[in-house]
């Protein structure tokens, strides 16, 4: 997420609006945003409803064995169509902002 924030202006210039979704409460997400200086949108999905719809549940991997979202990045166009997906099982492996920018150029 740091890479997204570090490249936020380039992403926005390409029409990409980063949004993070997690099972964390709004208060927890807000605290993370403030602590890390993130300026993009964080959404809270405490019951994992959206996370389940996208088949992204990482069962039992959160604190106390709670379900969390597995790492994933999506590019969704203005019609709501998912145009690109990056999935991983490893929490620490994420798409780099540079990769997202390159893919977004190919999709235009």
N, C-alpha and C. Protein backbone atom coordinates (compact mmCIF):
# COMPACT_ATOMS: atom_id res chain seq x y z
N UNK A 1 0.82 -1.19 0.00
CA UNK A 1 0.00 0.00 0.00
C UNK A 1 0.86 1.26 0.00
N UNK A 2 2.06 1.13 0.55
CA UNK A 2 2.96 2.29 0.51
C UNK A 2 3.29 2.68 -0.92
N UNK A 3 3.49 1.66 -1.78
CA UNK A 3 3.79 1.92 -3.18
C UNK A 3 2.64 2.63 -3.88
N UNK A 4 1.43 2.28 -3.51
CA UNK A 4 0.26 2.95 -4.08
C UNK A 4 0.28 4.42 -3.67
N UNK A 5 0.51 4.66 -2.39
CA UNK A 5 0.53 6.04 -1.90
C UNK A 5 1.67 6.83 -2.54
N UNK A 6 2.82 6.22 -2.68
CA UNK A 6 3.97 6.92 -3.27
C UNK A 6 3.74 7.27 -4.73
N UNK A 7 2.84 6.57 -5.39
CA UNK A 7 2.55 6.81 -6.81
C UNK A 7 1.13 7.31 -7.04
N UNK A 8 0.53 7.85 -5.99
CA UNK A 8 -0.89 8.22 -6.06
C UNK A 8 -1.18 9.23 -7.17
N UNK A 9 -0.32 10.19 -7.36
CA UNK A 9 -0.58 11.20 -8.39
C UNK A 9 -0.52 10.60 -9.79
N UNK A 10 0.44 9.71 -10.04
CA UNK A 10 0.52 9.06 -11.35
C UNK A 10 -0.68 8.16 -11.58
N UNK A 11 -1.10 7.44 -10.54
CA UNK A 11 -2.29 6.59 -10.67
C UNK A 11 -3.52 7.43 -10.99
N UNK A 12 -3.70 8.49 -10.26
CA UNK A 12 -4.86 9.36 -10.48
C UNK A 12 -4.82 9.98 -11.87
N UNK A 13 -3.61 10.34 -12.34
CA UNK A 13 -3.46 10.92 -13.68
C UNK A 13 -3.89 9.92 -14.76
N UNK A 14 -3.76 8.63 -14.47
CA UNK A 14 -4.19 7.58 -15.41
C UNK A 14 -5.67 7.22 -15.21
N UNK A 15 -6.34 7.92 -14.31
CA UNK A 15 -7.75 7.65 -14.06
C UNK A 15 -7.98 6.51 -13.09
N UNK A 16 -6.95 6.13 -12.35
CA UNK A 16 -7.07 5.03 -11.39
C UNK A 16 -7.33 5.62 -10.01
N UNK A 17 -8.39 5.14 -9.39
CA UNK A 17 -8.75 5.57 -8.05
C UNK A 17 -8.57 4.40 -7.09
N UNK A 18 -7.45 4.37 -6.38
CA UNK A 18 -7.21 3.25 -5.46
C UNK A 18 -8.23 3.22 -4.32
N UNK A 19 -8.67 2.01 -4.00
CA UNK A 19 -9.58 1.78 -2.89
C UNK A 19 -9.14 0.50 -2.20
N UNK A 20 -8.98 0.54 -0.89
CA UNK A 20 -8.65 -0.65 -0.10
C UNK A 20 -9.90 -1.12 0.62
N UNK A 21 -10.09 -2.44 0.67
CA UNK A 21 -11.23 -3.02 1.38
C UNK A 21 -10.67 -4.07 2.33
N UNK A 22 -11.09 -3.99 3.59
CA UNK A 22 -10.65 -4.99 4.56
C UNK A 22 -11.77 -5.28 5.55
N UNK A 23 -11.56 -6.31 6.35
CA UNK A 23 -12.53 -6.66 7.39
C UNK A 23 -12.36 -5.78 8.63
N UNK A 24 -11.34 -4.93 8.63
CA UNK A 24 -11.11 -4.05 9.77
C UNK A 24 -12.27 -3.07 9.95
N UNK A 25 -12.47 -2.65 11.17
CA UNK A 25 -13.51 -1.67 11.46
C UNK A 25 -13.12 -0.33 10.83
N UNK A 26 -14.08 0.56 10.63
CA UNK A 26 -13.75 1.89 10.12
C UNK A 26 -12.73 2.60 11.00
N UNK A 27 -12.84 2.42 12.30
CA UNK A 27 -11.91 3.07 13.22
C UNK A 27 -10.48 2.55 13.03
N UNK A 28 -10.35 1.24 12.88
CA UNK A 28 -9.03 0.64 12.67
C UNK A 28 -8.44 1.11 11.34
N UNK A 29 -9.26 1.12 10.30
CA UNK A 29 -8.79 1.58 8.99
C UNK A 29 -8.39 3.04 9.03
N UNK A 30 -9.20 3.85 9.70
CA UNK A 30 -8.88 5.28 9.83
C UNK A 30 -7.56 5.48 10.56
N UNK A 31 -7.33 4.70 11.61
CA UNK A 31 -6.08 4.78 12.35
C UNK A 31 -4.88 4.41 11.48
N UNK A 32 -5.03 3.35 10.69
CA UNK A 32 -3.95 2.95 9.78
C UNK A 32 -3.68 4.05 8.75
N UNK A 33 -4.75 4.61 8.19
CA UNK A 33 -4.59 5.68 7.21
C UNK A 33 -3.82 6.86 7.80
N UNK A 34 -4.20 7.24 9.00
CA UNK A 34 -3.54 8.38 9.64
C UNK A 34 -2.10 8.06 10.01
N UNK A 35 -1.89 6.89 10.56
CA UNK A 35 -0.54 6.48 10.97
C UNK A 35 0.41 6.39 9.78
N UNK A 36 -0.06 5.85 8.67
CA UNK A 36 0.80 5.64 7.50
C UNK A 36 0.73 6.79 6.49
N UNK A 37 -0.20 7.72 6.69
CA UNK A 37 -0.31 8.85 5.77
C UNK A 37 -0.97 8.51 4.45
N UNK A 38 -1.80 7.48 4.43
CA UNK A 38 -2.49 7.10 3.20
C UNK A 38 -3.59 8.11 2.88
N UNK A 39 -3.71 8.46 1.61
CA UNK A 39 -4.72 9.45 1.21
C UNK A 39 -5.79 8.85 0.31
N UNK A 40 -5.70 7.56 0.04
CA UNK A 40 -6.74 6.94 -0.79
C UNK A 40 -7.81 6.32 0.11
N UNK A 41 -8.90 5.92 -0.48
CA UNK A 41 -10.08 5.45 0.24
C UNK A 41 -9.87 4.07 0.84
N UNK A 42 -10.29 3.91 2.09
CA UNK A 42 -10.33 2.61 2.76
C UNK A 42 -11.79 2.31 3.08
N UNK A 43 -12.25 1.13 2.71
CA UNK A 43 -13.60 0.70 3.01
C UNK A 43 -13.56 -0.45 4.00
N UNK A 44 -14.57 -0.50 4.86
CA UNK A 44 -14.66 -1.53 5.88
C UNK A 44 -15.72 -2.55 5.48
N UNK A 45 -15.36 -3.81 5.54
CA UNK A 45 -16.27 -4.92 5.22
C UNK A 45 -16.19 -5.93 6.36
N UNK A 46 -16.65 -5.54 7.57
CA UNK A 46 -16.44 -6.38 8.75
C UNK A 46 -17.08 -7.77 8.67
N UNK A 47 -18.12 -7.92 7.87
CA UNK A 47 -18.75 -9.23 7.71
C UNK A 47 -18.25 -9.96 6.47
N UNK A 48 -17.28 -9.36 5.79
CA UNK A 48 -16.65 -9.94 4.60
C UNK A 48 -17.64 -10.23 3.47
N UNK A 49 -18.70 -9.45 3.39
CA UNK A 49 -19.71 -9.68 2.35
C UNK A 49 -19.14 -9.45 0.95
N UNK A 50 -18.51 -8.31 0.75
CA UNK A 50 -17.92 -8.02 -0.56
C UNK A 50 -16.73 -8.93 -0.81
N UNK A 51 -15.95 -9.15 0.21
CA UNK A 51 -14.79 -10.02 0.10
C UNK A 51 -15.22 -11.43 -0.34
N UNK A 52 -16.32 -11.91 0.19
CA UNK A 52 -16.84 -13.23 -0.21
C UNK A 52 -17.35 -13.20 -1.66
N UNK A 53 -18.01 -12.11 -2.06
CA UNK A 53 -18.53 -12.01 -3.42
C UNK A 53 -17.42 -12.12 -4.46
N UNK A 54 -16.25 -11.62 -4.12
CA UNK A 54 -15.11 -11.68 -5.04
C UNK A 54 -14.24 -12.91 -4.78
N UNK A 55 -14.71 -13.82 -3.94
CA UNK A 55 -14.01 -15.07 -3.62
C UNK A 55 -12.59 -14.78 -3.11
N UNK A 56 -12.50 -13.86 -2.15
CA UNK A 56 -11.20 -13.44 -1.63
C UNK A 56 -11.00 -13.75 -0.15
N UNK A 57 -11.81 -14.63 0.40
CA UNK A 57 -11.67 -14.93 1.83
C UNK A 57 -10.41 -15.75 2.07
N UNK A 58 -9.63 -15.28 3.01
CA UNK A 58 -8.44 -16.00 3.48
C UNK A 58 -8.84 -16.54 4.86
N UNK A 59 -9.49 -17.69 4.84
CA UNK A 59 -10.14 -18.25 6.03
C UNK A 59 -9.15 -18.46 7.18
N UNK A 60 -9.54 -17.93 8.33
CA UNK A 60 -8.81 -18.15 9.56
C UNK A 60 -7.44 -17.51 9.65
N UNK A 61 -7.11 -16.60 8.76
CA UNK A 61 -5.77 -16.04 8.73
C UNK A 61 -5.63 -14.72 9.49
N UNK A 62 -6.72 -14.22 10.04
CA UNK A 62 -6.67 -12.99 10.80
C UNK A 62 -6.43 -13.24 12.28
N UNK A 63 -6.39 -12.15 13.05
CA UNK A 63 -6.23 -12.27 14.50
C UNK A 63 -7.31 -13.16 15.08
N UNK A 64 -6.92 -14.04 15.97
CA UNK A 64 -7.89 -14.91 16.62
C UNK A 64 -8.56 -15.88 15.67
N UNK A 65 -7.97 -16.14 14.52
CA UNK A 65 -8.55 -17.08 13.56
C UNK A 65 -9.69 -16.52 12.75
N UNK A 66 -9.85 -15.20 12.75
CA UNK A 66 -10.91 -14.59 11.96
C UNK A 66 -10.56 -14.62 10.48
N UNK A 67 -11.61 -14.64 9.67
CA UNK A 67 -11.41 -14.56 8.22
C UNK A 67 -10.98 -13.16 7.83
N UNK A 68 -10.07 -13.07 6.89
CA UNK A 68 -9.64 -11.78 6.34
C UNK A 68 -9.66 -11.89 4.82
N UNK A 69 -9.39 -10.79 4.17
CA UNK A 69 -9.30 -10.79 2.71
C UNK A 69 -7.91 -11.23 2.30
N UNK A 70 -7.84 -12.07 1.29
CA UNK A 70 -6.52 -12.41 0.75
C UNK A 70 -6.05 -11.25 -0.12
N UNK A 71 -4.76 -11.09 -0.27
CA UNK A 71 -4.23 -9.99 -1.07
C UNK A 71 -4.71 -10.07 -2.52
N UNK A 72 -5.22 -8.98 -3.01
CA UNK A 72 -5.71 -8.93 -4.39
C UNK A 72 -5.77 -7.49 -4.85
N UNK A 73 -5.50 -7.31 -6.12
CA UNK A 73 -5.67 -6.00 -6.74
C UNK A 73 -6.52 -6.20 -7.98
N UNK A 74 -7.42 -5.25 -8.20
CA UNK A 74 -8.31 -5.29 -9.36
C UNK A 74 -8.25 -3.94 -10.07
N UNK A 75 -8.37 -3.97 -11.38
CA UNK A 75 -8.65 -2.75 -12.13
C UNK A 75 -10.07 -2.93 -12.65
N UNK A 76 -10.94 -2.01 -12.25
CA UNK A 76 -12.34 -2.05 -12.62
C UNK A 76 -12.63 -0.80 -13.45
N UNK A 77 -13.26 -0.99 -14.61
CA UNK A 77 -13.51 0.18 -15.45
C UNK A 77 -14.77 0.92 -14.99
N UNK A 78 -15.09 2.00 -15.68
CA UNK A 78 -16.20 2.86 -15.27
C UNK A 78 -17.56 2.18 -15.37
N UNK A 79 -17.66 1.05 -16.07
CA UNK A 79 -18.92 0.32 -16.16
C UNK A 79 -19.04 -0.73 -15.07
N UNK A 80 -17.97 -0.88 -14.25
CA UNK A 80 -17.98 -1.88 -13.20
C UNK A 80 -17.43 -3.23 -13.65
N UNK A 81 -16.88 -3.28 -14.86
CA UNK A 81 -16.31 -4.52 -15.37
C UNK A 81 -14.88 -4.68 -14.86
N UNK A 82 -14.60 -5.84 -14.28
CA UNK A 82 -13.25 -6.14 -13.81
C UNK A 82 -12.39 -6.41 -15.05
N UNK A 83 -11.35 -5.61 -15.24
CA UNK A 83 -10.50 -5.71 -16.43
C UNK A 83 -9.18 -6.41 -16.15
N UNK A 84 -8.73 -6.45 -14.89
CA UNK A 84 -7.46 -7.07 -14.53
C UNK A 84 -7.51 -7.47 -13.07
N UNK A 85 -6.92 -8.63 -12.77
CA UNK A 85 -6.88 -9.14 -11.40
C UNK A 85 -5.47 -9.63 -11.10
N UNK A 86 -5.00 -9.30 -9.92
CA UNK A 86 -3.72 -9.83 -9.42
C UNK A 86 -4.02 -10.46 -8.06
N UNK A 87 -3.87 -11.78 -7.97
CA UNK A 87 -4.16 -12.51 -6.73
C UNK A 87 -2.90 -13.21 -6.23
N UNK A 88 -2.80 -13.33 -4.94
CA UNK A 88 -1.70 -14.07 -4.34
C UNK A 88 -2.18 -14.66 -3.01
N UNK A 89 -1.53 -15.70 -2.59
CA UNK A 89 -1.82 -16.29 -1.28
C UNK A 89 -0.93 -15.69 -0.20
N UNK A 90 0.13 -15.00 -0.61
CA UNK A 90 1.10 -14.46 0.33
C UNK A 90 0.73 -13.01 0.67
N UNK A 91 0.44 -12.75 1.92
CA UNK A 91 0.02 -11.42 2.38
C UNK A 91 1.02 -10.34 2.00
N UNK A 92 2.29 -10.68 1.93
CA UNK A 92 3.34 -9.70 1.68
C UNK A 92 3.58 -9.43 0.20
N UNK A 93 3.01 -10.24 -0.67
CA UNK A 93 3.20 -10.06 -2.11
C UNK A 93 2.02 -9.27 -2.67
N UNK A 94 2.32 -8.12 -3.21
CA UNK A 94 1.29 -7.25 -3.79
C UNK A 94 1.76 -6.76 -5.15
N UNK A 95 0.81 -6.39 -5.99
CA UNK A 95 1.17 -5.76 -7.26
C UNK A 95 1.82 -4.42 -6.95
N UNK A 96 2.89 -4.12 -7.64
CA UNK A 96 3.55 -2.82 -7.48
C UNK A 96 2.75 -1.77 -8.25
N UNK A 97 2.82 -0.55 -7.78
CA UNK A 97 2.10 0.54 -8.44
C UNK A 97 2.54 0.67 -9.89
N UNK A 98 3.83 0.47 -10.15
CA UNK A 98 4.34 0.55 -11.52
C UNK A 98 3.69 -0.50 -12.41
N UNK A 99 3.45 -1.69 -11.86
CA UNK A 99 2.79 -2.75 -12.62
C UNK A 99 1.35 -2.37 -12.93
N UNK A 100 0.67 -1.82 -11.95
CA UNK A 100 -0.72 -1.39 -12.14
C UNK A 100 -0.79 -0.31 -13.23
N UNK A 101 0.15 0.62 -13.19
CA UNK A 101 0.19 1.68 -14.22
C UNK A 101 0.42 1.10 -15.60
N UNK A 102 1.35 0.16 -15.74
CA UNK A 102 1.63 -0.45 -17.03
C UNK A 102 0.42 -1.21 -17.56
N UNK A 103 -0.22 -1.98 -16.71
CA UNK A 103 -1.40 -2.75 -17.12
C UNK A 103 -2.52 -1.79 -17.53
N UNK A 104 -2.70 -0.71 -16.77
CA UNK A 104 -3.78 0.22 -17.10
C UNK A 104 -3.57 0.85 -18.48
N UNK A 105 -2.32 1.09 -18.86
CA UNK A 105 -2.04 1.63 -20.19
C UNK A 105 -2.41 0.63 -21.28
N UNK A 106 -2.17 -0.65 -21.03
CA UNK A 106 -2.49 -1.69 -22.00
C UNK A 106 -3.99 -1.88 -22.18
N UNK A 107 -4.75 -1.54 -21.15
CA UNK A 107 -6.20 -1.75 -21.19
C UNK A 107 -6.95 -0.60 -21.88
N UNK A 108 -6.26 0.47 -22.15
CA UNK A 108 -6.93 1.64 -22.75
C UNK A 108 -7.17 1.42 -24.22
